[in-house]
Amino acid sequence: MVDGSRDDSRDPRRPHGELVADVLAVLWAADRPLTAQEVNEALDRGLARTTVATVLSRLHENGTLERSRPGRGFAYAPVADAAGLVAGRMRRELESDPRRELVLKRFVSALSEGDEEVLRRLLRESEDRE
């Protein structure tokens, strides 16, 4: 792809991370837990049901989804919304480093003025609730 045009010879499948994001988007939009077949139908990509079932199972194993058995198969629902998942990842990263104060200092120093003000407001609101 020398001229910057699209290379149509590459694998048309999307990267795994995009499939996971799309599966989560389907589940967040649903008003109830969904089976692998229902998620697959909502994705409308012609994937094998087992592919979607594997993604759902892995998301359940890592704590992103909860699973119930309403019938013969499993149904899945997210344990948190998108913001909750990001916050959880941020918390796990913070907890994984023994230099917690340094990590927080670097995080705060990299925030934009607007984000820093939002963080200050949220911290004040948190203190007021205690």
Protein backbone atom coordinates (compact mmCIF):
# COMPACT_ATOMS: atom_id res chain seq x y z
CA MET A 1 0.00 0.00 0.00
CA VAL A 2 2.48 2.58 -1.21
CA ASP A 3 0.08 5.20 -2.53
CA GLY A 4 -2.08 5.35 0.63
CA SER A 5 -5.04 3.64 -1.02
CA ARG A 6 -6.91 0.91 0.79
CA ASP A 7 -5.36 -2.54 0.59
CA ASP A 8 -8.26 -4.85 -0.30
CA SER A 9 -6.06 -7.94 -0.05
CA ARG A 10 -5.87 -7.79 3.72
CA ASP A 11 -7.99 -9.95 6.00
CA PRO A 12 -11.49 -8.45 6.07
CA ARG A 13 -12.07 -9.59 9.64
CA ARG A 14 -12.01 -6.93 12.31
CA PRO A 15 -9.48 -7.13 15.14
CA HIS A 16 -10.61 -9.04 18.24
CA GLY A 17 -10.77 -5.84 20.30
CA GLU A 18 -13.34 -4.38 17.93
CA LEU A 19 -15.47 -7.50 18.17
CA VAL A 20 -15.36 -7.31 21.97
CA ALA A 21 -16.34 -3.62 21.83
CA ASP A 22 -19.22 -4.39 19.47
CA VAL A 23 -20.43 -7.27 21.65
CA LEU A 24 -20.40 -4.98 24.68
CA ALA A 25 -22.26 -2.28 22.76
CA VAL A 26 -25.00 -4.77 21.89
CA LEU A 27 -25.30 -5.85 25.52
CA TRP A 28 -25.34 -2.26 26.83
CA ALA A 29 -28.14 -1.40 24.40
CA ALA A 30 -30.22 -4.42 25.44
CA ASP A 31 -32.87 -4.18 28.14
CA ARG A 32 -32.19 -7.74 29.35
CA PRO A 33 -29.47 -10.40 29.30
CA LEU A 34 -28.87 -11.88 25.84
CA THR A 35 -27.78 -15.30 24.63
CA ALA A 36 -24.87 -15.81 22.26
CA GLN A 37 -27.35 -16.36 19.43
CA GLU A 38 -29.15 -13.10 20.18
CA VAL A 39 -25.88 -11.16 20.34
CA ASN A 40 -24.77 -12.78 17.08
CA GLU A 41 -28.03 -11.82 15.37
CA ALA A 42 -27.71 -8.23 16.63
CA LEU A 43 -24.13 -8.03 15.31
CA ASP A 44 -25.33 -9.23 11.90
CA ARG A 45 -21.84 -10.11 10.68
CA GLY A 46 -22.33 -13.72 9.73
CA LEU A 47 -20.07 -14.93 12.54
CA ALA A 48 -20.29 -18.44 13.90
CA ARG A 49 -22.34 -18.58 17.09
CA THR A 50 -19.39 -20.30 18.74
CA THR A 51 -17.19 -17.27 18.02
CA VAL A 52 -19.61 -15.00 19.84
CA ALA A 53 -20.08 -17.58 22.61
CA THR A 54 -16.32 -17.68 23.14
CA VAL A 55 -16.10 -13.89 23.40
CA LEU A 56 -19.00 -13.85 25.87
CA SER A 57 -17.46 -16.64 27.94
CA ARG A 58 -14.11 -14.85 28.15
CA LEU A 59 -15.79 -11.59 29.14
CA HIS A 60 -17.62 -13.50 31.87
CA GLU A 61 -14.39 -15.13 33.07
CA ASN A 62 -12.67 -11.75 33.42
CA GLY A 63 -15.59 -10.26 35.34
CA THR A 64 -16.94 -7.96 32.63
CA LEU A 65 -20.20 -9.88 32.20
CA GLU A 66 -22.52 -11.74 34.52
CA ARG A 67 -24.11 -14.93 33.32
CA SER A 68 -27.47 -16.55 34.04
CA ARG A 69 -29.14 -19.68 32.74
CA PRO A 70 -32.74 -18.83 31.83
CA GLY A 71 -33.13 -21.99 29.77
CA ARG A 72 -30.74 -24.45 28.20
CA GLY A 73 -28.07 -21.88 27.37
CA PHE A 74 -26.47 -18.93 29.09
CA ALA A 75 -27.57 -15.32 28.86
CA TYR A 76 -25.11 -12.50 29.48
CA ALA A 77 -25.37 -8.96 30.82
CA PRO A 78 -22.67 -6.37 31.54
CA VAL A 79 -21.76 -5.80 35.18
CA ALA A 80 -21.11 -2.10 34.47
CA ASP A 81 -21.64 0.49 31.78
CA ALA A 82 -18.77 1.66 29.58
CA ALA A 83 -17.65 4.33 32.05
CA GLY A 84 -17.72 1.79 34.87
CA LEU A 85 -15.50 -0.60 32.93
CA VAL A 86 -12.95 2.14 32.21
CA ALA A 87 -13.01 3.22 35.86
CA GLY A 88 -12.41 -0.38 36.90
CA ARG A 89 -9.43 -0.68 34.57
CA MET A 90 -8.04 2.59 35.94
CA ARG A 91 -8.46 1.33 39.52
CA ARG A 92 -6.77 -2.00 38.72
CA GLU A 93 -3.84 -0.20 37.09
CA LEU A 94 -3.49 2.05 40.12
CA GLU A 95 -3.61 -0.93 42.48
CA SER A 96 -1.02 -2.84 40.46
CA ASP A 97 1.75 -0.29 41.06
CA PRO A 98 3.30 0.02 44.53
CA ARG A 99 4.09 3.71 43.82
CA ARG A 100 0.43 4.68 44.10
CA GLU A 101 1.05 8.32 45.08
CA LEU A 102 3.48 8.84 42.19
CA VAL A 103 1.02 7.28 39.73
CA LEU A 104 -1.76 9.57 40.97
CA LYS A 105 0.55 12.60 40.83
CA ARG A 106 1.51 11.86 37.22
CA PHE A 107 -2.11 11.22 36.28
CA VAL A 108 -3.32 14.49 37.77
CA SER A 109 -0.44 16.49 36.27
CA ALA A 110 -1.37 15.20 32.80
CA LEU A 111 -5.03 16.28 33.04
CA SER A 112 -6.35 19.22 31.07
CA GLU A 113 -7.52 22.21 33.10
CA GLY A 114 -11.12 21.24 32.43
CA ASP A 115 -10.62 17.64 33.53
CA GLU A 116 -8.71 18.78 36.60
CA GLU A 117 -11.61 21.05 37.59
CA VAL A 118 -14.09 18.20 37.08
CA LEU A 119 -11.94 15.94 39.28
CA ARG A 120 -11.76 18.64 41.98
CA ARG A 121 -15.55 19.06 41.87
CA LEU A 122 -16.12 15.30 42.09
CA LEU A 123 -13.77 15.04 45.06
CA ARG A 124 -15.60 17.89 46.84
CA GLU A 125 -18.93 16.19 46.16
CA SER A 126 -17.55 12.92 47.52
CA GLU A 127 -16.39 14.68 50.70
CA ASP A 128 -19.80 16.33 51.13
CA ARG A 129 -21.53 12.93 51.03
CA GLU A 130 -19.36 11.51 53.81
